[in-house]
N, C-alpha and C. Protein backbone atom coordinates (compact mmCIF):
# COMPACT_ATOMS: atom_id res chain seq x y z
N GLN A 1 132.79 36.62 -44.57
CA GLN A 1 133.36 35.39 -44.20
C GLN A 1 134.55 35.29 -44.45
N VAL A 2 135.81 34.68 -43.23
CA VAL A 2 137.14 34.27 -43.46
C VAL A 2 137.51 33.76 -43.64
N TYR A 3 138.11 33.31 -44.69
CA TYR A 3 139.38 32.31 -45.03
C TYR A 3 140.50 32.42 -44.75
N LEU A 4 141.49 31.16 -45.11
CA LEU A 4 142.70 31.21 -44.54
C LEU A 4 143.45 30.29 -46.32
N ARG A 5 144.30 30.65 -46.46
CA ARG A 5 145.12 29.83 -47.73
C ARG A 5 146.88 29.87 -47.80
N GLU A 6 147.06 29.13 -47.72
CA GLU A 6 148.49 28.94 -47.57
C GLU A 6 148.83 28.74 -48.79
N SER A 7 150.16 28.99 -48.80
CA SER A 7 150.44 28.56 -50.52
C SER A 7 152.42 29.03 -50.01
N GLY A 8 153.04 27.75 -50.82
CA GLY A 8 154.41 28.22 -50.74
C GLY A 8 155.76 26.67 -50.36
N GLY A 9 154.17 25.62 -50.17
CA GLY A 9 155.23 25.03 -49.86
C GLY A 9 155.73 24.10 -51.26
N GLY A 10 156.45 22.84 -51.05
CA GLY A 10 157.16 22.61 -52.49
C GLY A 10 158.40 20.78 -51.51
N SER A 11 158.84 20.46 -52.72
CA SER A 11 160.52 19.57 -52.14
C SER A 11 161.77 20.29 -52.33
N VAL A 12 162.53 19.59 -51.18
CA VAL A 12 164.27 20.28 -51.33
C VAL A 12 164.77 19.47 -50.62
N GLN A 13 165.75 19.54 -50.85
CA GLN A 13 166.22 18.67 -50.19
C GLN A 13 167.10 18.89 -48.75
N ALA A 14 167.44 17.91 -48.00
CA ALA A 14 168.04 18.88 -46.53
C ALA A 14 168.93 19.86 -46.62
N GLY A 15 168.48 20.48 -44.97
CA GLY A 15 169.46 21.80 -45.06
C GLY A 15 168.98 22.82 -46.15
N GLY A 16 167.89 22.72 -46.97
CA GLY A 16 167.38 23.86 -47.75
C GLY A 16 166.55 24.66 -46.97
N SER A 17 165.84 25.54 -47.39
CA SER A 17 165.26 25.63 -47.00
C SER A 17 163.54 26.93 -48.15
N LEU A 18 162.54 26.98 -47.70
CA LEU A 18 161.44 27.35 -47.55
C LEU A 18 160.49 28.01 -46.77
N LYS A 19 159.55 28.75 -47.47
CA LYS A 19 158.47 30.33 -46.78
C LYS A 19 157.64 29.94 -47.43
N LEU A 20 156.58 29.70 -46.45
CA LEU A 20 155.40 29.25 -46.42
C LEU A 20 154.94 31.40 -46.46
N SER A 21 153.46 30.67 -46.44
CA SER A 21 152.53 31.61 -47.13
C SER A 21 151.55 31.49 -46.40
N CYS A 22 150.78 32.74 -45.49
CA CYS A 22 148.78 32.05 -45.23
C CYS A 22 148.45 33.15 -44.88
N ARG A 23 147.60 33.85 -46.67
CA ARG A 23 146.82 34.42 -46.79
C ARG A 23 144.81 34.79 -45.68
N VAL A 24 145.16 35.60 -45.27
CA VAL A 24 143.72 35.42 -44.83
C VAL A 24 143.30 35.94 -44.83
N SER A 25 142.07 36.72 -45.64
CA SER A 25 140.87 37.34 -46.42
C SER A 25 140.10 37.30 -45.73
N GLY A 26 139.94 38.63 -45.10
CA GLY A 26 137.91 38.11 -45.01
C GLY A 26 137.73 39.05 -43.68
N MET A 27 139.37 39.40 -42.96
CA MET A 27 139.74 40.45 -41.40
C MET A 27 139.63 40.73 -41.74
N ILE A 28 139.38 42.34 -40.94
CA ILE A 28 139.32 44.00 -40.76
C ILE A 28 140.92 43.85 -39.45
N LEU A 29 141.30 44.52 -40.41
CA LEU A 29 142.55 44.81 -40.11
C LEU A 29 142.92 45.08 -37.96
N SER A 30 142.25 45.75 -37.81
CA SER A 30 142.38 45.95 -36.40
C SER A 30 141.90 44.05 -35.73
N VAL A 31 141.39 43.30 -36.07
CA VAL A 31 141.29 41.75 -36.23
C VAL A 31 142.40 41.04 -35.90
N PHE A 32 143.34 41.59 -37.79
CA PHE A 32 143.97 40.60 -37.52
C PHE A 32 145.34 41.31 -36.80
N THR A 33 145.42 42.05 -36.59
CA THR A 33 146.84 42.50 -35.50
C THR A 33 146.78 42.27 -34.84
N SER A 34 146.03 41.72 -34.08
CA SER A 34 145.64 41.18 -33.05
C SER A 34 145.69 39.70 -32.58
N ASN A 35 144.91 39.25 -33.77
CA ASN A 35 144.66 38.31 -33.53
C ASN A 35 146.20 36.99 -33.35
N VAL A 36 145.25 36.03 -32.92
CA VAL A 36 145.99 34.68 -33.04
C VAL A 36 146.21 34.14 -34.25
N ILE A 37 146.93 33.87 -35.08
CA ILE A 37 147.79 32.66 -35.87
C ILE A 37 148.78 31.71 -35.69
N ASN A 38 148.69 30.30 -36.01
CA ASN A 38 149.34 29.65 -35.91
C ASN A 38 149.32 28.59 -37.20
N TRP A 39 150.93 28.21 -37.12
CA TRP A 39 151.24 26.88 -37.90
C TRP A 39 150.80 25.48 -37.66
N TYR A 40 149.94 24.72 -37.80
CA TYR A 40 150.86 23.53 -37.72
C TYR A 40 150.76 22.31 -38.36
N ARG A 41 151.49 21.59 -38.53
CA ARG A 41 152.12 20.03 -39.69
C ARG A 41 151.62 19.18 -39.15
N GLN A 42 150.86 18.24 -39.87
CA GLN A 42 150.73 16.81 -39.63
C GLN A 42 151.70 16.05 -41.05
N ALA A 43 152.22 14.71 -40.31
CA ALA A 43 152.82 14.13 -40.94
C ALA A 43 152.58 12.69 -41.13
N PRO A 44 152.78 12.50 -42.51
CA PRO A 44 151.73 11.19 -42.57
C PRO A 44 152.05 9.86 -41.05
N GLY A 45 150.62 9.13 -40.56
CA GLY A 45 150.22 8.95 -39.93
C GLY A 45 150.60 9.26 -38.06
N LYS A 46 150.75 10.62 -37.95
CA LYS A 46 150.90 11.21 -37.15
C LYS A 46 149.81 12.68 -36.84
N GLN A 47 149.59 12.29 -35.01
CA GLN A 47 148.78 14.25 -35.25
C GLN A 47 149.65 15.33 -35.80
N ARG A 48 147.80 16.14 -35.89
CA ARG A 48 148.63 17.34 -35.69
C ARG A 48 149.29 17.78 -35.56
N GLU A 49 150.73 18.35 -34.88
CA GLU A 49 151.17 19.48 -33.94
C GLU A 49 151.16 20.88 -34.35
N LEU A 50 151.50 21.77 -33.68
CA LEU A 50 151.46 22.58 -33.67
C LEU A 50 153.27 23.32 -33.05
N VAL A 51 153.40 24.28 -34.93
CA VAL A 51 154.61 24.13 -35.03
C VAL A 51 155.47 26.02 -33.96
N ALA A 52 154.36 26.57 -34.78
CA ALA A 52 154.81 27.97 -34.22
C ALA A 52 153.19 28.90 -34.39
N THR A 53 153.03 30.19 -33.33
CA THR A 53 152.02 30.59 -32.93
C THR A 53 152.50 32.42 -32.88
N SER A 54 151.76 33.85 -33.42
CA SER A 54 151.59 34.40 -33.74
C SER A 54 150.71 35.48 -32.89
N ILE A 55 150.87 35.94 -32.36
CA ILE A 55 150.31 36.42 -30.62
C ILE A 55 150.59 38.40 -31.55
N GLY A 56 149.67 39.00 -31.62
CA GLY A 56 149.81 40.63 -32.21
C GLY A 56 150.83 41.21 -30.81
N GLY A 57 151.51 41.39 -30.51
CA GLY A 57 152.14 42.32 -29.69
C GLY A 57 153.02 41.36 -28.55
N SER A 58 152.95 39.97 -29.32
CA SER A 58 153.95 39.48 -27.95
C SER A 58 154.46 38.31 -28.57
N SER A 59 155.99 37.86 -28.27
CA SER A 59 157.03 37.12 -29.20
C SER A 59 156.30 35.93 -28.90
N PRO A 60 156.85 35.70 -30.87
CA PRO A 60 156.27 34.91 -31.42
C PRO A 60 156.76 33.33 -30.15
N SER A 61 155.92 31.97 -30.30
CA SER A 61 156.75 30.47 -29.61
C SER A 61 156.89 29.40 -30.43
N TYR A 62 157.43 28.53 -30.62
CA TYR A 62 157.74 27.71 -31.47
C TYR A 62 157.55 25.81 -30.44
N ILE A 63 157.18 25.33 -30.87
CA ILE A 63 158.45 23.57 -30.65
C ILE A 63 159.67 24.47 -30.67
N ASP A 64 160.39 22.80 -30.02
CA ASP A 64 161.29 22.50 -29.70
C ASP A 64 162.03 22.56 -30.83
N SER A 65 161.87 21.67 -31.79
CA SER A 65 162.15 20.57 -32.99
C SER A 65 162.15 21.75 -33.99
N VAL A 66 161.87 23.20 -34.15
CA VAL A 66 162.00 24.12 -34.85
C VAL A 66 162.87 25.36 -34.43
N LYS A 67 163.23 25.49 -33.25
CA LYS A 67 163.38 26.55 -32.70
C LYS A 67 164.91 26.87 -33.38
N GLY A 68 164.67 27.91 -33.26
CA GLY A 68 166.39 28.54 -34.14
C GLY A 68 166.48 28.43 -35.66
N ARG A 69 165.53 27.29 -35.85
CA ARG A 69 165.18 27.67 -37.93
C ARG A 69 164.45 27.42 -38.06
N PHE A 70 163.41 28.09 -37.42
CA PHE A 70 162.04 28.70 -38.63
C PHE A 70 161.57 29.61 -37.61
N THR A 71 161.19 30.23 -38.20
CA THR A 71 160.49 31.84 -38.21
C THR A 71 159.32 32.48 -38.85
N ILE A 72 158.38 32.30 -37.69
CA ILE A 72 156.97 33.21 -38.22
C ILE A 72 157.11 34.59 -37.67
N SER A 73 156.35 35.51 -39.29
CA SER A 73 156.65 36.53 -39.33
C SER A 73 154.82 36.96 -40.00
N LYS A 74 154.35 38.45 -39.76
CA LYS A 74 153.40 38.46 -40.26
C LYS A 74 153.55 40.23 -40.49
N ASP A 75 152.33 40.42 -41.81
CA ASP A 75 152.42 41.57 -42.64
C ASP A 75 151.04 41.48 -42.55
N ASN A 76 150.27 42.71 -41.24
CA ASN A 76 149.60 43.42 -41.64
C ASN A 76 148.82 44.11 -42.00
N THR A 77 149.55 45.12 -43.27
CA THR A 77 148.89 45.39 -44.26
C THR A 77 148.63 44.09 -45.56
N ARG A 78 149.07 43.25 -45.71
CA ARG A 78 148.74 42.63 -46.83
C ARG A 78 147.75 40.61 -45.58
N ARG A 79 147.38 41.37 -44.40
CA ARG A 79 147.11 40.52 -43.82
C ARG A 79 147.86 38.25 -44.16
N SER A 80 148.96 39.03 -43.30
CA SER A 80 149.31 37.28 -44.11
C SER A 80 150.45 37.40 -43.03
N VAL A 81 150.50 35.75 -42.62
CA VAL A 81 151.80 34.82 -41.62
C VAL A 81 152.47 34.21 -42.77
N TYR A 82 153.69 34.87 -42.02
CA TYR A 82 154.81 33.65 -42.79
C TYR A 82 155.85 32.68 -42.08
N LEU A 83 155.98 31.29 -42.15
CA LEU A 83 156.78 30.78 -42.18
C LEU A 83 158.39 29.82 -42.68
N GLN A 84 159.24 31.49 -42.51
CA GLN A 84 160.14 30.83 -42.69
C GLN A 84 161.25 29.41 -42.27
N MET A 85 161.20 28.74 -42.99
CA MET A 85 161.93 27.34 -42.90
C MET A 85 163.33 27.36 -43.21
N ASP A 86 164.27 27.59 -42.45
CA ASP A 86 165.87 27.25 -43.09
C ASP A 86 166.13 25.80 -42.28
N GLY A 87 167.44 25.57 -42.84
CA GLY A 87 167.85 24.28 -41.93
C GLY A 87 167.20 22.69 -42.38
N LEU A 88 166.08 23.21 -43.89
CA LEU A 88 164.55 21.78 -43.00
C LEU A 88 165.46 20.40 -42.95
N LYS A 89 164.77 19.38 -42.30
CA LYS A 89 165.50 17.71 -42.22
C LYS A 89 163.94 17.46 -42.13
N PRO A 90 164.74 15.95 -42.96
CA PRO A 90 163.16 15.48 -43.86
C PRO A 90 162.90 14.79 -42.70
N GLU A 91 162.57 15.12 -41.00
CA GLU A 91 161.54 14.60 -40.46
C GLU A 91 160.37 16.06 -40.57
N ASP A 92 160.94 17.55 -41.32
CA ASP A 92 159.88 18.60 -41.31
C ASP A 92 158.84 18.14 -42.34
N THR A 93 158.52 17.29 -42.87
CA THR A 93 158.05 15.99 -44.12
C THR A 93 156.77 16.88 -43.25
N ALA A 94 155.80 16.96 -44.01
CA ALA A 94 154.08 17.69 -43.71
C ALA A 94 153.16 17.90 -44.44
N VAL A 95 152.66 17.89 -44.34
CA VAL A 95 151.37 18.92 -44.51
C VAL A 95 151.37 20.38 -43.41
N TYR A 96 151.26 21.61 -44.13
CA TYR A 96 152.41 22.67 -43.18
C TYR A 96 150.23 23.82 -43.43
N TYR A 97 150.44 23.81 -41.80
CA TYR A 97 148.00 24.26 -42.40
C TYR A 97 148.29 25.55 -41.48
N CYS A 98 147.97 26.82 -42.18
CA CYS A 98 147.88 27.93 -40.98
C CYS A 98 146.39 27.66 -40.11
N GLN A 99 146.17 28.22 -38.62
CA GLN A 99 145.56 28.06 -38.71
C GLN A 99 144.55 30.29 -37.33
N ALA A 100 143.32 29.96 -37.23
CA ALA A 100 143.64 31.02 -36.87
C ALA A 100 141.59 30.86 -35.90
N PRO A 101 141.93 31.05 -34.55
CA PRO A 101 140.58 30.87 -33.51
C PRO A 101 140.34 32.49 -34.37
N TYR A 102 138.96 32.50 -34.45
CA TYR A 102 137.84 33.70 -34.68
C TYR A 102 136.18 33.80 -34.68
N SER A 103 135.28 34.34 -33.88
CA SER A 103 134.22 34.13 -33.88
C SER A 103 133.74 32.95 -32.77
N GLY A 104 134.24 32.35 -32.34
CA GLY A 104 134.31 31.10 -31.52
C GLY A 104 134.32 29.91 -32.72
N LYS A 105 135.44 30.21 -33.62
CA LYS A 105 135.32 29.18 -34.47
C LYS A 105 136.90 28.95 -34.85
N ASP A 106 137.67 28.04 -35.06
CA ASP A 106 138.81 27.62 -35.53
C ASP A 106 138.08 27.32 -36.79
N LEU A 107 139.81 27.82 -37.57
CA LEU A 107 139.11 28.49 -39.08
C LEU A 107 140.49 28.17 -39.27
N TRP A 108 140.78 26.26 -40.77
CA TRP A 108 141.70 26.17 -41.14
C TRP A 108 142.12 26.73 -42.72
N GLY A 109 143.33 26.43 -43.23
CA GLY A 109 143.55 26.31 -44.39
C GLY A 109 143.33 25.14 -44.80
N PRO A 110 143.75 24.72 -46.27
CA PRO A 110 143.27 23.51 -47.14
C PRO A 110 144.60 23.38 -46.80
N GLY A 111 145.93 23.99 -46.81
CA GLY A 111 147.66 22.94 -46.61
C GLY A 111 148.23 23.15 -47.70
N THR A 112 149.60 22.95 -46.99
CA THR A 112 150.14 23.13 -48.14
C THR A 112 151.40 22.30 -47.94
N GLN A 113 151.98 21.56 -48.93
CA GLN A 113 152.69 20.06 -48.32
C GLN A 113 154.05 20.35 -48.34
N VAL A 114 155.16 20.13 -47.83
CA VAL A 114 156.37 19.96 -47.70
C VAL A 114 156.99 18.81 -47.65
N THR A 115 157.91 18.77 -48.82
CA THR A 115 158.40 17.39 -48.41
C THR A 115 160.13 17.58 -48.57
N VAL A 116 161.04 16.76 -47.41
CA VAL A 116 162.49 17.08 -47.76
C VAL A 116 162.80 15.67 -47.71
N SER A 117 164.15 16.25 -48.71
CA SER A 117 164.79 14.81 -48.72
C SER A 117 166.20 14.84 -48.47
N SER A 118 166.44 13.52 -48.26
CA SER A 118 168.10 13.38 -47.69
C SER A 118 169.30 13.25 -48.68
């Protein structure tokens, strides 16, 4: 079984930084290396939105609202994907999820809360 679990959320003031981690367990290295891993977020009363995507061997992609502030990275040996978030804004407040397509299913972690105060 493959599981995803996020960590690193918290409360910060506007302009601050957080680094989220997504640990993927149960996925063999060769699959993890090439697999797509996404970071999504969902703010209260809003739809879940795709924030950043890591694709093995390709450049990462971001939604426009986080470009230049967020950086997605991957550590294959640790089976982990990170989301470095700098210059946080109150509108970044949301529950952040990592997600991966695997074996015909969409796998999700339970999420981690990020709260940015003005």
